[in-house]
Amino acid sequence: MLSIDRMILRLSGSRAGRAEAIARLAARELAAMPLTGSRSLSRLTVPRLEIESGASDEHLAHLIAQAVHAQLSAQGPTATEG
């Protein structure tokens, strides 16, 4: 089970006002992705994503979830950061 206390998205342009809704969609995507082991991170930063201008919020959320999942997977199953 994945627990996210807070997700902050910095989005530019017309998507900036929809960041909260996109974060909820990304969290939902993350909840469906497999993740083994335990991690406790105070902060996780993903690289800047290049998004096509016509991409839907759902597509953007999917890309964000994939980027977060990749970072979590790279941390290893017992990574702990305080």
N, C-alpha and C. Protein backbone atom coordinates (compact mmCIF):
# COMPACT_ATOMS: atom_id res chain seq x y z
N MET A 1 0.83 -1.18 0.00
CA MET A 1 0.00 0.00 0.00
C MET A 1 0.88 1.24 0.00
N LEU A 2 0.53 2.18 -0.82
CA LEU A 2 1.26 3.43 -0.91
C LEU A 2 0.48 4.52 -0.19
N SER A 3 1.18 5.25 0.67
CA SER A 3 0.56 6.36 1.38
C SER A 3 1.32 7.63 1.05
N ILE A 4 0.61 8.62 0.55
CA ILE A 4 1.21 9.90 0.21
C ILE A 4 0.56 10.95 1.10
N ASP A 5 1.35 11.57 1.96
CA ASP A 5 0.81 12.60 2.84
C ASP A 5 0.55 13.90 2.10
N ARG A 6 1.46 14.24 1.18
CA ARG A 6 1.30 15.50 0.46
C ARG A 6 2.02 15.39 -0.88
N MET A 7 1.36 15.84 -1.93
CA MET A 7 1.97 15.88 -3.25
C MET A 7 1.82 17.30 -3.77
N ILE A 8 2.94 17.90 -4.10
CA ILE A 8 2.94 19.26 -4.63
C ILE A 8 3.40 19.20 -6.08
N LEU A 9 2.55 19.67 -6.97
CA LEU A 9 2.90 19.73 -8.39
C LEU A 9 3.09 21.18 -8.78
N ARG A 10 4.14 21.44 -9.51
CA ARG A 10 4.36 22.77 -10.07
C ARG A 10 4.12 22.66 -11.56
N LEU A 11 3.01 23.17 -11.99
CA LEU A 11 2.62 23.10 -13.39
C LEU A 11 2.58 24.51 -13.97
N SER A 12 2.95 24.60 -15.23
CA SER A 12 2.95 25.91 -15.87
C SER A 12 1.75 26.08 -16.78
N GLY A 13 1.55 27.30 -17.18
CA GLY A 13 0.51 27.61 -18.15
C GLY A 13 -0.89 27.33 -17.65
N SER A 14 -1.72 26.88 -18.54
CA SER A 14 -3.14 26.67 -18.23
C SER A 14 -3.38 25.54 -17.23
N ARG A 15 -2.40 24.68 -17.04
CA ARG A 15 -2.58 23.56 -16.10
C ARG A 15 -2.32 23.93 -14.65
N ALA A 16 -1.72 25.08 -14.40
CA ALA A 16 -1.36 25.47 -13.04
C ALA A 16 -2.57 25.44 -12.11
N GLY A 17 -3.72 25.87 -12.58
CA GLY A 17 -4.92 25.90 -11.75
C GLY A 17 -5.54 24.53 -11.53
N ARG A 18 -5.07 23.53 -12.28
CA ARG A 18 -5.62 22.18 -12.14
C ARG A 18 -4.65 21.22 -11.44
N ALA A 19 -3.59 21.77 -10.83
CA ALA A 19 -2.56 20.95 -10.21
C ALA A 19 -3.12 20.01 -9.15
N GLU A 20 -4.04 20.50 -8.33
CA GLU A 20 -4.60 19.67 -7.25
C GLU A 20 -5.36 18.47 -7.83
N ALA A 21 -6.16 18.70 -8.84
CA ALA A 21 -6.93 17.61 -9.46
C ALA A 21 -6.00 16.62 -10.15
N ILE A 22 -4.96 17.12 -10.80
CA ILE A 22 -4.00 16.25 -11.48
C ILE A 22 -3.22 15.44 -10.45
N ALA A 23 -2.89 16.04 -9.31
CA ALA A 23 -2.20 15.31 -8.23
C ALA A 23 -3.06 14.16 -7.72
N ARG A 24 -4.36 14.40 -7.58
CA ARG A 24 -5.27 13.32 -7.14
C ARG A 24 -5.29 12.19 -8.17
N LEU A 25 -5.34 12.54 -9.44
CA LEU A 25 -5.32 11.52 -10.49
C LEU A 25 -4.01 10.73 -10.46
N ALA A 26 -2.89 11.43 -10.26
CA ALA A 26 -1.59 10.77 -10.21
C ALA A 26 -1.51 9.83 -9.00
N ALA A 27 -2.04 10.26 -7.86
CA ALA A 27 -2.04 9.42 -6.66
C ALA A 27 -2.85 8.16 -6.90
N ARG A 28 -3.98 8.28 -7.59
CA ARG A 28 -4.81 7.13 -7.92
C ARG A 28 -4.04 6.16 -8.83
N GLU A 29 -3.32 6.71 -9.81
CA GLU A 29 -2.49 5.88 -10.70
C GLU A 29 -1.42 5.15 -9.89
N LEU A 30 -0.76 5.88 -8.99
CA LEU A 30 0.30 5.28 -8.18
C LEU A 30 -0.21 4.14 -7.31
N ALA A 31 -1.41 4.30 -6.80
CA ALA A 31 -1.99 3.27 -5.93
C ALA A 31 -2.17 1.95 -6.67
N ALA A 32 -2.31 2.00 -7.97
CA ALA A 32 -2.51 0.79 -8.77
C ALA A 32 -1.20 0.16 -9.24
N MET A 33 -0.08 0.84 -9.03
CA MET A 33 1.22 0.34 -9.50
C MET A 33 1.87 -0.52 -8.43
N PRO A 34 2.51 -1.63 -8.86
CA PRO A 34 3.16 -2.50 -7.87
C PRO A 34 4.41 -1.84 -7.29
N LEU A 35 4.58 -2.01 -5.99
CA LEU A 35 5.74 -1.49 -5.30
C LEU A 35 6.05 -2.43 -4.15
N THR A 36 7.27 -2.93 -4.11
CA THR A 36 7.63 -3.86 -3.04
C THR A 36 8.47 -3.16 -1.99
N GLY A 37 8.43 -3.68 -0.79
CA GLY A 37 9.24 -3.16 0.29
C GLY A 37 8.65 -1.90 0.90
N SER A 38 9.43 -1.30 1.78
CA SER A 38 8.99 -0.14 2.53
C SER A 38 9.94 1.02 2.29
N ARG A 39 9.39 2.20 2.19
CA ARG A 39 10.19 3.42 2.03
C ARG A 39 9.53 4.52 2.85
N SER A 40 10.36 5.35 3.43
CA SER A 40 9.86 6.54 4.11
C SER A 40 10.71 7.70 3.64
N LEU A 41 10.13 8.56 2.83
CA LEU A 41 10.88 9.66 2.24
C LEU A 41 10.26 10.98 2.65
N SER A 42 11.09 11.93 3.03
CA SER A 42 10.56 13.25 3.36
C SER A 42 10.35 14.08 2.10
N ARG A 43 11.04 13.71 1.01
CA ARG A 43 10.91 14.46 -0.23
C ARG A 43 11.33 13.58 -1.40
N LEU A 44 10.61 13.71 -2.48
CA LEU A 44 10.94 12.99 -3.71
C LEU A 44 10.72 13.96 -4.86
N THR A 45 11.76 14.14 -5.66
CA THR A 45 11.68 15.05 -6.78
C THR A 45 11.89 14.27 -8.06
N VAL A 46 11.04 14.50 -9.02
CA VAL A 46 11.19 13.84 -10.32
C VAL A 46 11.68 14.86 -11.34
N PRO A 47 12.35 14.39 -12.38
CA PRO A 47 12.82 15.32 -13.41
C PRO A 47 11.65 16.03 -14.10
N ARG A 48 11.93 17.15 -14.67
CA ARG A 48 10.93 17.91 -15.42
C ARG A 48 10.39 17.05 -16.55
N LEU A 49 9.09 17.07 -16.71
CA LEU A 49 8.45 16.29 -17.77
C LEU A 49 8.05 17.22 -18.91
N GLU A 50 8.32 16.78 -20.13
CA GLU A 50 7.89 17.52 -21.31
C GLU A 50 6.56 16.93 -21.76
N ILE A 51 5.55 17.75 -21.78
CA ILE A 51 4.19 17.30 -22.07
C ILE A 51 3.69 18.00 -23.33
N GLU A 52 3.06 17.25 -24.19
CA GLU A 52 2.44 17.84 -25.38
C GLU A 52 1.34 18.79 -24.96
N SER A 53 1.17 19.88 -25.67
CA SER A 53 0.20 20.90 -25.27
C SER A 53 -1.23 20.38 -25.23
N GLY A 54 -1.58 19.42 -26.04
CA GLY A 54 -2.95 18.91 -26.06
C GLY A 54 -3.20 17.72 -25.17
N ALA A 55 -2.22 17.34 -24.36
CA ALA A 55 -2.35 16.16 -23.51
C ALA A 55 -3.43 16.38 -22.45
N SER A 56 -4.19 15.34 -22.18
CA SER A 56 -5.25 15.41 -21.17
C SER A 56 -4.66 15.40 -19.76
N ASP A 57 -5.47 15.83 -18.79
CA ASP A 57 -5.05 15.76 -17.39
C ASP A 57 -4.74 14.32 -16.99
N GLU A 58 -5.54 13.38 -17.49
CA GLU A 58 -5.33 11.97 -17.18
C GLU A 58 -3.99 11.48 -17.71
N HIS A 59 -3.64 11.91 -18.92
CA HIS A 59 -2.35 11.51 -19.50
C HIS A 59 -1.20 12.12 -18.69
N LEU A 60 -1.34 13.38 -18.34
CA LEU A 60 -0.32 14.04 -17.53
C LEU A 60 -0.16 13.34 -16.19
N ALA A 61 -1.28 12.99 -15.55
CA ALA A 61 -1.24 12.29 -14.27
C ALA A 61 -0.54 10.94 -14.42
N HIS A 62 -0.80 10.25 -15.52
CA HIS A 62 -0.16 8.96 -15.78
C HIS A 62 1.36 9.14 -15.90
N LEU A 63 1.80 10.15 -16.63
CA LEU A 63 3.24 10.40 -16.79
C LEU A 63 3.89 10.76 -15.45
N ILE A 64 3.20 11.55 -14.64
CA ILE A 64 3.71 11.91 -13.32
C ILE A 64 3.82 10.66 -12.45
N ALA A 65 2.78 9.84 -12.46
CA ALA A 65 2.80 8.60 -11.66
C ALA A 65 3.94 7.70 -12.09
N GLN A 66 4.16 7.57 -13.38
CA GLN A 66 5.26 6.74 -13.88
C GLN A 66 6.60 7.29 -13.40
N ALA A 67 6.78 8.60 -13.44
CA ALA A 67 8.03 9.21 -13.00
C ALA A 67 8.25 9.01 -11.50
N VAL A 68 7.20 9.18 -10.71
CA VAL A 68 7.31 8.97 -9.26
C VAL A 68 7.61 7.50 -8.97
N HIS A 69 6.91 6.61 -9.64
CA HIS A 69 7.14 5.18 -9.44
C HIS A 69 8.58 4.80 -9.79
N ALA A 70 9.11 5.35 -10.87
CA ALA A 70 10.49 5.07 -11.26
C ALA A 70 11.46 5.53 -10.18
N GLN A 71 11.22 6.71 -9.61
CA GLN A 71 12.09 7.21 -8.54
C GLN A 71 11.98 6.33 -7.29
N LEU A 72 10.78 5.93 -6.93
CA LEU A 72 10.60 5.07 -5.77
C LEU A 72 11.28 3.72 -5.98
N SER A 73 11.15 3.18 -7.18
CA SER A 73 11.78 1.89 -7.48
C SER A 73 13.30 2.01 -7.43
N ALA A 74 13.83 3.14 -7.88
CA ALA A 74 15.28 3.35 -7.87
C ALA A 74 15.82 3.49 -6.44
N GLN A 75 14.96 3.91 -5.51
CA GLN A 75 15.38 4.08 -4.11
C GLN A 75 15.66 2.73 -3.45
N GLY A 76 15.09 1.67 -3.97
CA GLY A 76 15.27 0.36 -3.36
C GLY A 76 14.24 0.10 -2.29
N PRO A 77 13.97 -1.18 -2.00
CA PRO A 77 12.87 -1.54 -1.12
C PRO A 77 13.05 -1.19 0.35
N THR A 78 14.23 -0.85 0.80
CA THR A 78 14.38 -0.54 2.22
C THR A 78 14.95 0.85 2.44
N ALA A 79 14.87 1.70 1.45
CA ALA A 79 15.41 3.05 1.58
C ALA A 79 14.62 3.82 2.61
N THR A 80 15.34 4.51 3.48
CA THR A 80 14.69 5.35 4.49
C THR A 80 15.41 6.67 4.52
N GLU A 81 14.65 7.74 4.51
CA GLU A 81 15.21 9.08 4.57
C GLU A 81 14.39 9.85 5.57
N GLY A 82 15.02 10.61 6.42
CA GLY A 82 14.24 11.28 7.44
C GLY A 82 14.18 12.71 7.25
